[in-house]
Amino acid sequence: MARTACQDQGNRTMQKHTGNTLMDPRTLLLCVPLLAGCGDDTVHVHILPSRYEVGGVTSHLATPAVDEVVRLKPKTVHISTCYSTPHAKVIQFDVEIQARLNAKVTGGVFEKCPES
């Protein structure tokens, strides 16, 4: 396949900016979407009777936990809770997540509450 003057100029410009003669613009086009997709697809949230926990954030209020989840931009949010957790806490968190993030929400209940 014959190279055009535009392709040659593009490659010289890429070499000048990157200093890499092996760098091909097509490689960048393939790598950028892959890197953007990197990261954990599921964030685990613990909603306990007295607090919310997600990542390194622990709070008595739902909003800081929701802020952390939104910052992480997961595809799935998994909520783990205790039987003794007030239903209003779980509902509040779920409502805030649904309002701010388009993610699938799954859930489960601890056999033994970590707070006990």
PDB file of N, CA and C in Angstrom:
ATOM      1  N   MET A   1       0.846  -1.176   0.000  1.00  0.00           N
ATOM      2  CA  MET A   1       0.000   0.000   0.000  1.00  0.00           C
ATOM      3  C   MET A   1       0.891   1.238   0.000  1.00  0.00           C
ATOM      4  N   ALA A   2       0.625   2.155  -0.895  1.00  0.00           N
ATOM      5  CA  ALA A   2       1.450   3.363  -1.032  1.00  0.00           C
ATOM      6  C   ALA A   2       1.151   4.337   0.093  1.00  0.00           C
ATOM      7  N   ARG A   3       2.199   4.960   0.587  1.00  0.00           N
ATOM      8  CA  ARG A   3       2.047   5.949   1.656  1.00  0.00           C
ATOM      9  C   ARG A   3       1.840   7.318   1.030  1.00  0.00           C
ATOM     10  N   THR A   4       0.994   8.102   1.626  1.00  0.00           N
ATOM     11  CA  THR A   4       0.766   9.454   1.126  1.00  0.00           C
ATOM     12  C   THR A   4       1.677  10.425   1.859  1.00  0.00           C
ATOM     13  N   ALA A   5       1.785  11.623   1.320  1.00  0.00           N
ATOM     14  CA  ALA A   5       2.602  12.659   1.949  1.00  0.00           C
ATOM     15  C   ALA A   5       2.056  13.006   3.329  1.00  0.00           C
ATOM     16  N   CYS A   6       0.725  12.965   3.483  1.00  0.00           N
ATOM     17  CA  CYS A   6       0.110  13.275   4.783  1.00  0.00           C
ATOM     18  C   CYS A   6       0.495  12.230   5.819  1.00  0.00           C
ATOM     19  N   GLN A   7       0.508  10.951   5.423  1.00  0.00           N
ATOM     20  CA  GLN A   7       0.884   9.902   6.361  1.00  0.00           C
ATOM     21  C   GLN A   7       2.338  10.054   6.778  1.00  0.00           C
ATOM     22  N   ASP A   8       3.210  10.342   5.810  1.00  0.00           N
ATOM     23  CA  ASP A   8       4.628  10.529   6.130  1.00  0.00           C
ATOM     24  C   ASP A   8       4.817  11.718   7.062  1.00  0.00           C
ATOM     25  N   GLN A   9       4.125  12.819   6.783  1.00  0.00           N
ATOM     26  CA  GLN A   9       4.230  14.007   7.644  1.00  0.00           C
ATOM     27  C   GLN A   9       3.718  13.697   9.038  1.00  0.00           C
ATOM     28  N   GLY A  10       2.600  12.958   9.130  1.00  0.00           N
ATOM     29  CA  GLY A  10       2.048  12.595  10.435  1.00  0.00           C
ATOM     30  C   GLY A  10       3.021  11.744  11.234  1.00  0.00           C
ATOM     31  N   ASN A  11       3.686  10.801  10.582  1.00  0.00           N
ATOM     32  CA  ASN A  11       4.647   9.956  11.274  1.00  0.00           C
ATOM     33  C   ASN A  11       5.868  10.750  11.724  1.00  0.00           C
ATOM     34  N   ARG A  12       6.347  11.689  10.889  1.00  0.00           N
ATOM     35  CA  ARG A  12       7.495  12.523  11.293  1.00  0.00           C
ATOM     36  C   ARG A  12       7.121  13.403  12.481  1.00  0.00           C
ATOM     37  N   THR A  13       5.896  13.931  12.468  1.00  0.00           N
ATOM     38  CA  THR A  13       5.441  14.759  13.583  1.00  0.00           C
ATOM     39  C   THR A  13       5.358  13.911  14.849  1.00  0.00           C
ATOM     40  N   MET A  14       4.832  12.699  14.750  1.00  0.00           N
ATOM     41  CA  MET A  14       4.715  11.815  15.904  1.00  0.00           C
ATOM     42  C   MET A  14       6.104  11.468  16.435  1.00  0.00           C
ATOM     43  N   GLN A  15       7.066  11.203  15.541  1.00  0.00           N
ATOM     44  CA  GLN A  15       8.415  10.871  15.975  1.00  0.00           C
ATOM     45  C   GLN A  15       9.050  12.056  16.686  1.00  0.00           C
ATOM     46  N   LYS A  16       8.798  13.252  16.188  1.00  0.00           N
ATOM     47  CA  LYS A  16       9.379  14.448  16.796  1.00  0.00           C
ATOM     48  C   LYS A  16       8.834  14.646  18.211  1.00  0.00           C
ATOM     49  N   HIS A  17       7.536  14.424  18.398  1.00  0.00           N
ATOM     50  CA  HIS A  17       6.924  14.647  19.711  1.00  0.00           C
ATOM     51  C   HIS A  17       7.220  13.535  20.702  1.00  0.00           C
ATOM     52  N   THR A  18       7.301  12.304  20.214  1.00  0.00           N
ATOM     53  CA  THR A  18       7.490  11.188  21.132  1.00  0.00           C
ATOM     54  C   THR A  18       8.923  10.720  21.208  1.00  0.00           C
ATOM     55  N   GLY A  19       9.709  11.033  20.181  1.00  0.00           N
ATOM     56  CA  GLY A  19      11.078  10.555  20.147  1.00  0.00           C
ATOM     57  C   GLY A  19      11.138   9.062  19.868  1.00  0.00           C
ATOM     58  N   ASN A  20      10.050   8.464  19.502  1.00  0.00           N
ATOM     59  CA  ASN A  20       9.981   7.023  19.278  1.00  0.00           C
ATOM     60  C   ASN A  20       9.672   6.772  17.816  1.00  0.00           C
ATOM     61  N   THR A  21      10.613   6.150  17.104  1.00  0.00           N
ATOM     62  CA  THR A  21      10.395   5.893  15.685  1.00  0.00           C
ATOM     63  C   THR A  21       9.414   4.746  15.470  1.00  0.00           C
ATOM     64  N   LEU A  22       9.147   3.954  16.511  1.00  0.00           N
ATOM     65  CA  LEU A  22       8.212   2.841  16.381  1.00  0.00           C
ATOM     66  C   LEU A  22       6.784   3.237  16.697  1.00  0.00           C
ATOM     67  N   MET A  23       6.567   4.465  17.202  1.00  0.00           N
ATOM     68  CA  MET A  23       5.219   4.905  17.583  1.00  0.00           C
ATOM     69  C   MET A  23       4.384   5.135  16.330  1.00  0.00           C
ATOM     70  N   ASP A  24       3.268   4.490  16.273  1.00  0.00           N
ATOM     71  CA  ASP A  24       2.357   4.606  15.145  1.00  0.00           C
ATOM     72  C   ASP A  24       1.058   5.223  15.659  1.00  0.00           C
ATOM     73  N   PRO A  25       0.511   6.209  14.966  1.00  0.00           N
ATOM     74  CA  PRO A  25      -0.740   6.827  15.435  1.00  0.00           C
ATOM     75  C   PRO A  25      -1.863   5.815  15.632  1.00  0.00           C
ATOM     76  N   ARG A  26      -1.858   4.735  14.850  1.00  0.00           N
ATOM     77  CA  ARG A  26      -2.896   3.714  15.005  1.00  0.00           C
ATOM     78  C   ARG A  26      -2.776   3.015  16.357  1.00  0.00           C
ATOM     79  N   THR A  27      -1.536   2.895  16.856  1.00  0.00           N
ATOM     80  CA  THR A  27      -1.331   2.279  18.165  1.00  0.00           C
ATOM     81  C   THR A  27      -2.009   3.109  19.245  1.00  0.00           C
ATOM     82  N   LEU A  28      -1.863   4.431  19.140  1.00  0.00           N
ATOM     83  CA  LEU A  28      -2.515   5.314  20.110  1.00  0.00           C
ATOM     84  C   LEU A  28      -4.036   5.175  20.050  1.00  0.00           C
ATOM     85  N   LEU A  29      -4.563   5.061  18.838  1.00  0.00           N
ATOM     86  CA  LEU A  29      -6.009   4.935  18.693  1.00  0.00           C
ATOM     87  C   LEU A  29      -6.521   3.644  19.330  1.00  0.00           C
ATOM     88  N   LEU A  30      -5.707   2.609  19.333  1.00  0.00           N
ATOM     89  CA  LEU A  30      -6.116   1.355  19.955  1.00  0.00           C
ATOM     90  C   LEU A  30      -5.920   1.370  21.466  1.00  0.00           C
ATOM     91  N   CYS A  31      -4.868   2.044  21.938  1.00  0.00           N
ATOM     92  CA  CYS A  31      -4.542   2.027  23.368  1.00  0.00           C
ATOM     93  C   CYS A  31      -5.428   2.922  24.211  1.00  0.00           C
ATOM     94  N   VAL A  32      -5.798   4.070  23.691  1.00  0.00           N
ATOM     95  CA  VAL A  32      -6.571   5.028  24.488  1.00  0.00           C
ATOM     96  C   VAL A  32      -7.889   4.435  24.968  1.00  0.00           C
ATOM     97  N   PRO A  33      -8.709   3.796  24.107  1.00  0.00           N
ATOM     98  CA  PRO A  33      -9.945   3.207  24.634  1.00  0.00           C
ATOM     99  C   PRO A  33      -9.689   2.090  25.642  1.00  0.00           C
ATOM    100  N   LEU A  34      -8.622   1.338  25.444  1.00  0.00           N
ATOM    101  CA  LEU A  34      -8.317   0.277  26.399  1.00  0.00           C
ATOM    102  C   LEU A  34      -7.929   0.844  27.753  1.00  0.00           C
ATOM    103  N   LEU A  35      -7.130   1.896  27.761  1.00  0.00           N
ATOM    104  CA  LEU A  35      -6.730   2.514  29.026  1.00  0.00           C
ATOM    105  C   LEU A  35      -7.912   3.185  29.706  1.00  0.00           C
ATOM    106  N   ALA A  36      -8.799   3.770  28.935  1.00  0.00           N
ATOM    107  CA  ALA A  36      -9.976   4.419  29.519  1.00  0.00           C
ATOM    108  C   ALA A  36     -10.875   3.385  30.194  1.00  0.00           C
ATOM    109  N   GLY A  37     -10.848   2.155  29.696  1.00  0.00           N
ATOM    110  CA  GLY A  37     -11.671   1.115  30.277  1.00  0.00           C
ATOM    111  C   GLY A  37     -11.024   0.430  31.463  1.00  0.00           C
ATOM    112  N   CYS A  38      -9.791   0.795  31.777  1.00  0.00           N
ATOM    113  CA  CYS A  38      -9.103   0.171  32.897  1.00  0.00           C
ATOM    114  C   CYS A  38      -9.751   0.595  34.204  1.00  0.00           C
ATOM    115  N   GLY A  39      -9.568  -0.197  35.200  1.00  0.00           N
ATOM    116  CA  GLY A  39     -10.143   0.118  36.496  1.00  0.00           C
ATOM    117  C   GLY A  39     -11.115  -0.964  36.900  1.00  0.00           C
ATOM    118  N   ASP A  40     -11.532  -0.887  38.123  1.00  0.00           N
ATOM    119  CA  ASP A  40     -12.430  -1.895  38.644  1.00  0.00           C
ATOM    120  C   ASP A  40     -13.843  -1.602  38.161  1.00  0.00           C
ATOM    121  N   ASP A  41     -14.519  -2.642  37.683  1.00  0.00           N
ATOM    122  CA  ASP A  41     -15.879  -2.465  37.197  1.00  0.00           C
ATOM    123  C   ASP A  41     -16.910  -2.521  38.309  1.00  0.00           C
ATOM    124  N   THR A  42     -16.535  -3.051  39.473  1.00  0.00           N
ATOM    125  CA  THR A  42     -17.470  -3.167  40.591  1.00  0.00           C
ATOM    126  C   THR A  42     -16.892  -2.491  41.830  1.00  0.00           C
ATOM    127  N   VAL A  43     -17.711  -1.679  42.458  1.00  0.00           N
ATOM    128  CA  VAL A  43     -17.335  -1.052  43.735  1.00  0.00           C
ATOM    129  C   VAL A  43     -18.186  -1.692  44.816  1.00  0.00           C
ATOM    130  N   HIS A  44     -17.541  -2.096  45.904  1.00  0.00           N
ATOM    131  CA  HIS A  44     -18.233  -2.732  47.025  1.00  0.00           C
ATOM    132  C   HIS A  44     -18.486  -1.703  48.122  1.00  0.00           C
ATOM    133  N   VAL A  45     -19.737  -1.596  48.528  1.00  0.00           N
ATOM    134  CA  VAL A  45     -20.151  -0.652  49.561  1.00  0.00           C
ATOM    135  C   VAL A  45     -20.710  -1.455  50.735  1.00  0.00           C
ATOM    136  N   HIS A  46     -20.258  -1.129  51.942  1.00  0.00           N
ATOM    137  CA  HIS A  46     -20.807  -1.756  53.149  1.00  0.00           C
ATOM    138  C   HIS A  46     -21.696  -0.731  53.834  1.00  0.00           C
ATOM    139  N   ILE A  47     -22.951  -1.081  53.986  1.00  0.00           N
ATOM    140  CA  ILE A  47     -23.879  -0.217  54.715  1.00  0.00           C
ATOM    141  C   ILE A  47     -24.184  -0.930  56.024  1.00  0.00           C
ATOM    142  N   LEU A  48     -23.563  -0.441  57.074  1.00  0.00           N
ATOM    143  CA  LEU A  48     -23.686  -1.047  58.399  1.00  0.00           C
ATOM    144  C   LEU A  48     -24.666  -0.232  59.235  1.00  0.00           C
ATOM    145  N   PRO A  49     -25.110  -0.749  60.364  1.00  0.00           N
ATOM    146  CA  PRO A  49     -26.086  -0.009  61.179  1.00  0.00           C
ATOM    147  C   PRO A  49     -25.637   1.405  61.564  1.00  0.00           C
ATOM    148  N   SER A  50     -24.328   1.614  61.737  1.00  0.00           N
ATOM    149  CA  SER A  50     -23.892   2.941  62.187  1.00  0.00           C
ATOM    150  C   SER A  50     -23.061   3.713  61.168  1.00  0.00           C
ATOM    151  N   ARG A  51     -22.744   3.110  59.998  1.00  0.00           N
ATOM    152  CA  ARG A  51     -21.879   3.823  59.051  1.00  0.00           C
ATOM    153  C   ARG A  51     -21.953   3.230  57.650  1.00  0.00           C
ATOM    154  N   TYR A  52     -21.446   4.025  56.708  1.00  0.00           N
ATOM    155  CA  TYR A  52     -21.266   3.608  55.314  1.00  0.00           C
ATOM    156  C   TYR A  52     -19.767   3.474  55.078  1.00  0.00           C
ATOM    157  N   GLU A  53     -19.365   2.426  54.359  1.00  0.00           N
ATOM    158  CA  GLU A  53     -17.948   2.233  54.036  1.00  0.00           C
ATOM    159  C   GLU A  53     -17.810   1.938  52.554  1.00  0.00           C
ATOM    160  N   VAL A  54     -16.942   2.681  51.884  1.00  0.00           N
ATOM    161  CA  VAL A  54     -16.613   2.415  50.482  1.00  0.00           C
ATOM    162  C   VAL A  54     -15.183   2.879  50.246  1.00  0.00           C
ATOM    163  N   GLY A  55     -14.356   1.985  49.737  1.00  0.00           N
ATOM    164  CA  GLY A  55     -12.947   2.324  49.561  1.00  0.00           C
ATOM    165  C   GLY A  55     -12.349   2.728  50.895  1.00  0.00           C
ATOM    166  N   GLY A  56     -11.704   3.874  50.943  1.00  0.00           N
ATOM    167  CA  GLY A  56     -11.131   4.371  52.184  1.00  0.00           C
ATOM    168  C   GLY A  56     -12.050   5.333  52.916  1.00  0.00           C
ATOM    169  N   VAL A  57     -13.278   5.476  52.435  1.00  0.00           N
ATOM    170  CA  VAL A  57     -14.213   6.442  53.028  1.00  0.00           C
ATOM    171  C   VAL A  57     -15.144   5.737  54.002  1.00  0.00           C
ATOM    172  N   THR A  58     -15.215   6.277  55.207  1.00  0.00           N
ATOM    173  CA  THR A  58     -16.163   5.809  56.221  1.00  0.00           C
ATOM    174  C   THR A  58     -16.940   7.029  56.692  1.00  0.00           C
ATOM    175  N   SER A  59     -18.270   6.914  56.681  1.00  0.00           N
ATOM    176  CA  SER A  59     -19.087   8.069  57.044  1.00  0.00           C
ATOM    177  C   SER A  59     -20.391   7.618  57.693  1.00  0.00           C
ATOM    178  N   HIS A  60     -20.916   8.484  58.553  1.00  0.00           N
ATOM    179  CA  HIS A  60     -22.230   8.242  59.143  1.00  0.00           C
ATOM    180  C   HIS A  60     -23.332   8.698  58.198  1.00  0.00           C
ATOM    181  N   LEU A  61     -22.959   9.479  57.164  1.00  0.00           N
ATOM    182  CA  LEU A  61     -23.909   9.993  56.183  1.00  0.00           C
ATOM    183  C   LEU A  61     -23.718   9.296  54.845  1.00  0.00           C
ATOM    184  N   ALA A  62     -24.776   9.199  54.060  1.00  0.00           N
ATOM    185  CA  ALA A  62     -24.696   8.529  52.767  1.00  0.00           C
ATOM    186  C   ALA A  62     -23.936   9.342  51.725  1.00  0.00           C
ATOM    187  N   THR A  63     -24.063  10.657  51.764  1.00  0.00           N
ATOM    188  CA  THR A  63     -23.512  11.490  50.694  1.00  0.00           C
ATOM    189  C   THR A  63     -22.010  11.334  50.478  1.00  0.00           C
ATOM    190  N   PRO A  64     -21.154  11.333  51.517  1.00  0.00           N
ATOM    191  CA  PRO A  64     -19.725  11.130  51.245  1.00  0.00           C
ATOM    192  C   PRO A  64     -19.424   9.765  50.603  1.00  0.00           C
ATOM    193  N   ALA A  65     -20.170   8.748  50.982  1.00  0.00           N
ATOM    194  CA  ALA A  65     -19.983   7.426  50.377  1.00  0.00           C
ATOM    195  C   ALA A  65     -20.427   7.449  48.916  1.00  0.00           C
ATOM    196  N   VAL A  66     -21.534   8.103  48.644  1.00  0.00           N
ATOM    197  CA  VAL A  66     -22.015   8.232  47.267  1.00  0.00           C
ATOM    198  C   VAL A  66     -21.009   9.028  46.443  1.00  0.00           C
ATOM    199  N   ASP A  67     -20.473  10.102  47.001  1.00  0.00           N
ATOM    200  CA  ASP A  67     -19.461  10.904  46.300  1.00  0.00           C
ATOM    201  C   ASP A  67     -18.272  10.038  45.882  1.00  0.00           C
ATOM    202  N   GLU A  68     -17.821   9.171  46.778  1.00  0.00           N
ATOM    203  CA  GLU A  68     -16.693   8.290  46.477  1.00  0.00           C
ATOM    204  C   GLU A  68     -17.045   7.311  45.367  1.00  0.00           C
ATOM    205  N   VAL A  69     -18.229   6.745  45.404  1.00  0.00           N
ATOM    206  CA  VAL A  69     -18.651   5.816  44.357  1.00  0.00           C
ATOM    207  C   VAL A  69     -18.725   6.541  43.016  1.00  0.00           C
ATOM    208  N   VAL A  70     -19.301   7.723  42.992  1.00  0.00           N
ATOM    209  CA  VAL A  70     -19.413   8.501  41.750  1.00  0.00           C
ATOM    210  C   VAL A  70     -18.021   8.839  41.222  1.00  0.00           C
ATOM    211  N   ARG A  71     -17.095   9.157  42.102  1.00  0.00           N
ATOM    212  CA  ARG A  71     -15.729   9.471  41.687  1.00  0.00           C
ATOM    213  C   ARG A  71     -15.067   8.271  41.011  1.00  0.00           C
ATOM    214  N   LEU A  72     -15.368   7.069  41.489  1.00  0.00           N
ATOM    215  CA  LEU A  72     -14.774   5.849  40.938  1.00  0.00           C
ATOM    216  C   LEU A  72     -15.420   5.406  39.621  1.00  0.00           C
ATOM    217  N   LYS A  73     -16.632   5.870  39.337  1.00  0.00           N
ATOM    218  CA  LYS A  73     -17.365   5.581  38.106  1.00  0.00           C
ATOM    219  C   LYS A  73     -17.417   4.089  37.755  1.00  0.00           C
ATOM    220  N   PRO A  74     -17.931   3.269  38.651  1.00  0.00           N
ATOM    221  CA  PRO A  74     -18.009   1.838  38.340  1.00  0.00           C
ATOM    222  C   PRO A  74     -19.200   1.522  37.441  1.00  0.00           C
ATOM    223  N   LYS A  75     -19.166   0.341  36.858  1.00  0.00           N
ATOM    224  CA  LYS A  75     -20.313  -0.137  36.083  1.00  0.00           C
ATOM    225  C   LYS A  75     -21.329  -0.804  37.009  1.00  0.00           C
ATOM    226  N   THR A  76     -20.824  -1.366  38.107  1.00  0.00           N
ATOM    227  CA  THR A  76     -21.689  -2.055  39.067  1.00  0.00           C
ATOM    228  C   THR A  76     -21.343  -1.617  40.481  1.00  0.00           C
ATOM    229  N   VAL A  77     -22.375  -1.389  41.286  1.00  0.00           N
ATOM    230  CA  VAL A  77     -22.202  -1.070  42.705  1.00  0.00           C
ATOM    231  C   VAL A  77     -22.818  -2.225  43.486  1.00  0.00           C
ATOM    232  N   HIS A  78     -21.998  -2.886  44.296  1.00  0.00           N
ATOM    233  CA  HIS A  78     -22.506  -3.993  45.111  1.00  0.00           C
ATOM    234  C   HIS A  78     -22.636  -3.516  46.559  1.00  0.00           C
ATOM    235  N   ILE A  79     -23.847  -3.572  47.070  1.00  0.00           N
ATOM    236  CA  ILE A  79     -24.130  -3.137  48.436  1.00  0.00           C
ATOM    237  C   ILE A  79     -24.213  -4.363  49.336  1.00  0.00           C
ATOM    238  N   SER A  80     -23.416  -4.372  50.383  1.00  0.00           N
ATOM    239  CA  SER A  80     -23.497  -5.416  51.410  1.00  0.00           C
ATOM    240  C   SER A  80     -23.993  -4.757  52.683  1.00  0.00           C
ATOM    241  N   THR A  81     -24.969  -5.367  53.310  1.00  0.00           N
ATOM    242  CA  THR A  81     -25.560  -4.774  54.500  1.00  0.00           C
ATOM    243  C   THR A  81     -25.831  -5.863  55.546  1.00  0.00           C
ATOM    244  N   CYS A  82     -26.303  -5.450  56.699  1.00  0.00           N
ATOM    245  CA  CYS A  82     -26.640  -6.364  57.791  1.00  0.00           C
ATOM    246  C   CYS A  82     -28.161  -6.399  57.950  1.00  0.00           C
ATOM    247  N   TYR A  83     -28.645  -7.466  58.531  1.00  0.00           N
ATOM    248  CA  TYR A  83     -30.079  -7.538  58.809  1.00  0.00           C
ATOM    249  C   TYR A  83     -30.503  -6.431  59.771  1.00  0.00           C
ATOM    250  N   SER A  84     -29.586  -6.008  60.634  1.00  0.00           N
ATOM    251  CA  SER A  84     -29.915  -4.980  61.626  1.00  0.00           C
ATOM    252  C   SER A  84     -29.786  -3.555  61.093  1.00  0.00           C
ATOM    253  N   THR A  85     -29.335  -3.387  59.854  1.00  0.00           N
ATOM    254  CA  THR A  85     -29.222  -2.042  59.271  1.00  0.00           C
ATOM    255  C   THR A  85     -30.616  -1.512  58.964  1.00  0.00           C
ATOM    256  N   PRO A  86     -30.911  -0.291  59.386  1.00  0.00           N
ATOM    257  CA  PRO A  86     -32.232   0.290  59.071  1.00  0.00           C
ATOM    258  C   PRO A  86     -32.441   0.361  57.552  1.00  0.00           C
ATOM    259  N   HIS A  87     -33.610  -0.028  57.123  1.00  0.00           N
ATOM    260  CA  HIS A  87     -33.914  -0.033  55.692  1.00  0.00           C
ATOM    261  C   HIS A  87     -33.768   1.354  55.080  1.00  0.00           C
ATOM    262  N   ALA A  88     -34.059   2.379  55.850  1.00  0.00           N
ATOM    263  CA  ALA A  88     -33.969   3.756  55.347  1.00  0.00           C
ATOM    264  C   ALA A  88     -32.543   4.100  54.910  1.00  0.00           C
ATOM    265  N   LYS A  89     -31.533   3.553  55.595  1.00  0.00           N
ATOM    266  CA  LYS A  89     -30.136   3.817  55.214  1.00  0.00           C
ATOM    267  C   LYS A  89     -29.828   3.248  53.834  1.00  0.00           C
ATOM    268  N   VAL A  90     -30.289   2.039  53.590  1.00  0.00           N
ATOM    269  CA  VAL A  90     -30.044   1.394  52.296  1.00  0.00           C
ATOM    270  C   VAL A  90     -30.816   2.118  51.196  1.00  0.00           C
ATOM    271  N   ILE A  91     -32.060   2.457  51.474  1.00  0.00           N
ATOM    272  CA  ILE A  91     -32.889   3.157  50.492  1.00  0.00           C
ATOM    273  C   ILE A  91     -32.294   4.519  50.158  1.00  0.00           C
ATOM    274  N   GLN A  92     -31.834   5.254  51.173  1.00  0.00           N
ATOM    275  CA  GLN A  92     -31.245   6.566  50.933  1.00  0.00           C
ATOM    276  C   GLN A  92     -30.020   6.454  50.026  1.00  0.00           C
ATOM    277  N   PHE A  93     -29.152   5.502  50.312  1.00  0.00           N
ATOM    278  CA  PHE A  93     -27.960   5.321  49.493  1.00  0.00           C
ATOM    279  C   PHE A  93     -28.356   4.956  48.059  1.00  0.00           C
ATOM    280  N   ASP A  94     -29.286   4.035  47.909  1.00  0.00           N
ATOM    281  CA  ASP A  94     -29.715   3.598  46.585  1.00  0.00           C
ATOM    282  C   ASP A  94     -30.321   4.745  45.786  1.00  0.00           C
ATOM    283  N   VAL A  95     -31.153   5.553  46.419  1.00  0.00           N
ATOM    284  CA  VAL A  95     -31.780   6.685  45.730  1.00  0.00           C
ATOM    285  C   VAL A  95     -30.710   7.684  45.258  1.00  0.00           C
ATOM    286  N   GLU A  96     -29.734   7.983  46.121  1.00  0.00           N
ATOM    287  CA  GLU A  96     -28.674   8.924  45.737  1.00  0.00           C
ATOM    288  C   GLU A  96     -27.821   8.366  44.603  1.00  0.00           C
ATOM    289  N   ILE A  97     -27.497   7.082  44.655  1.00  0.00           N
ATOM    290  CA  ILE A  97     -26.693   6.464  43.583  1.00  0.00           C
ATOM    291  C   ILE A  97     -27.456   6.500  42.263  1.00  0.00           C
ATOM    292  N   GLN A  98     -28.729   6.140  42.295  1.00  0.00           N
ATOM    293  CA  GLN A  98     -29.526   6.129  41.064  1.00  0.00           C
ATOM    294  C   GLN A  98     -29.640   7.529  40.465  1.00  0.00           C
ATOM    295  N   ALA A  99     -29.687   8.549  41.306  1.00  0.00           N
ATOM    296  CA  ALA A  99     -29.812   9.921  40.817  1.00  0.00           C
ATOM    297  C   ALA A  99     -28.517  10.440  40.204  1.00  0.00           C
ATOM    298  N   ARG A 100     -27.375   9.936  40.661  1.00  0.00           N
ATOM    299  CA  ARG A 100     -26.091  10.517  40.245  1.00  0.00           C
ATOM    300  C   ARG A 100     -25.242   9.635  39.348  1.00  0.00           C
ATOM    301  N   LEU A 101     -25.600   8.360  39.237  1.00  0.00           N
ATOM    302  CA  LEU A 101     -24.740   7.438  38.497  1.00  0.00           C
ATOM    303  C   LEU A 101     -25.584   6.412  37.771  1.00  0.00           C
ATOM    304  N   ASN A 102     -25.240   6.166  36.533  1.00  0.00           N
ATOM    305  CA  ASN A 102     -25.943   5.158  35.758  1.00  0.00           C
ATOM    306  C   ASN A 102     -25.180   3.844  35.894  1.00  0.00           C
ATOM    307  N   ALA A 103     -25.397   3.152  36.988  1.00  0.00           N
ATOM    308  CA  ALA A 103     -24.694   1.902  37.250  1.00  0.00           C
ATOM    309  C   ALA A 103     -25.694   0.857  37.732  1.00  0.00           C
ATOM    310  N   LYS A 104     -25.351  -0.384  37.485  1.00  0.00           N
ATOM    311  CA  LYS A 104     -26.163  -1.490  37.984  1.00  0.00           C
ATOM    312  C   LYS A 104     -25.898  -1.617  39.485  1.00  0.00           C
ATOM    313  N   VAL A 105     -26.951  -1.795  40.269  1.00  0.00           N
ATOM    314  CA  VAL A 105     -26.805  -1.943  41.712  1.00  0.00           C
ATOM    315  C   VAL A 105     -27.207  -3.367  42.096  1.00  0.00           C
ATOM    316  N   THR A 106     -26.301  -4.052  42.775  1.00  0.00           N
ATOM    317  CA  THR A 106     -26.584  -5.392  43.289  1.00  0.00           C
ATOM    318  C   THR A 106     -26.437  -5.349  44.806  1.00  0.00           C
ATOM    319  N   GLY A 107     -26.886  -6.382  45.477  1.00  0.00           N
ATOM    320  CA  GLY A 107     -26.802  -6.350  46.934  1.00  0.00           C
ATOM    321  C   GLY A 107     -26.743  -7.719  47.556  1.00  0.00           C
ATOM    322  N   GLY A 108     -26.396  -7.701  48.820  1.00  0.00           N
ATOM    323  CA  GLY A 108     -26.331  -8.921  49.598  1.00  0.00           C
ATOM    324  C   GLY A 108     -26.355  -8.594  51.077  1.00  0.00           C
ATOM    325  N   VAL A 109     -26.521  -9.636  51.892  1.00  0.00           N
ATOM    326  CA  VAL A 109     -26.582  -9.462  53.343  1.00  0.00           C
ATOM    327  C   VAL A 109     -25.470 -10.296  53.970  1.00  0.00           C
ATOM    328  N   PHE A 110     -24.752  -9.677  54.907  1.00  0.00           N
ATOM    329  CA  PHE A 110     -23.709 -10.395  55.641  1.00  0.00           C
ATOM    330  C   PHE A 110     -24.344 -11.499  56.482  1.00  0.00           C
ATOM    331  N   GLU A 111     -23.712 -12.671  56.548  1.00  0.00           N
ATOM    332  CA  GLU A 111     -24.176 -13.710  57.462  1.00  0.00           C
ATOM    333  C   GLU A 111     -23.981 -13.256  58.900  1.00  0.00           C
ATOM    334  N   LYS A 112     -22.819 -12.667  59.156  1.00  0.00           N
ATOM    335  CA  LYS A 112     -22.512 -12.123  60.487  1.00  0.00           C
ATOM    336  C   LYS A 112     -22.097 -10.675  60.279  1.00  0.00           C
ATOM    337  N   CYS A 113     -22.826  -9.771  60.886  1.00  0.00           N
ATOM    338  CA  CYS A 113     -22.549  -8.348  60.704  1.00  0.00           C
ATOM    339  C   CYS A 113     -21.166  -7.999  61.241  1.00  0.00           C
ATOM    340  N   PRO A 114     -20.323  -7.314  60.454  1.00  0.00           N
ATOM    341  CA  PRO A 114     -18.976  -6.949  60.909  1.00  0.00           C
ATOM    342  C   PRO A 114     -18.986  -6.008  62.106  1.00  0.00           C
ATOM    343  N   GLU A 115     -20.118  -5.379  62.368  1.00  0.00           N
ATOM    344  CA  GLU A 115     -20.209  -4.426  63.468  1.00  0.00           C
ATOM    345  C   GLU A 115     -20.533  -5.105  64.784  1.00  0.00           C
ATOM    346  N   SER A 116     -20.923  -6.353  64.757  1.00  0.00           N
ATOM    347  CA  SER A 116     -21.336  -7.052  65.987  1.00  0.00           C
ATOM    348  C   SER A 116     -20.165  -7.346  66.879  1.00  0.00           C
TER     349      SER A 116
END
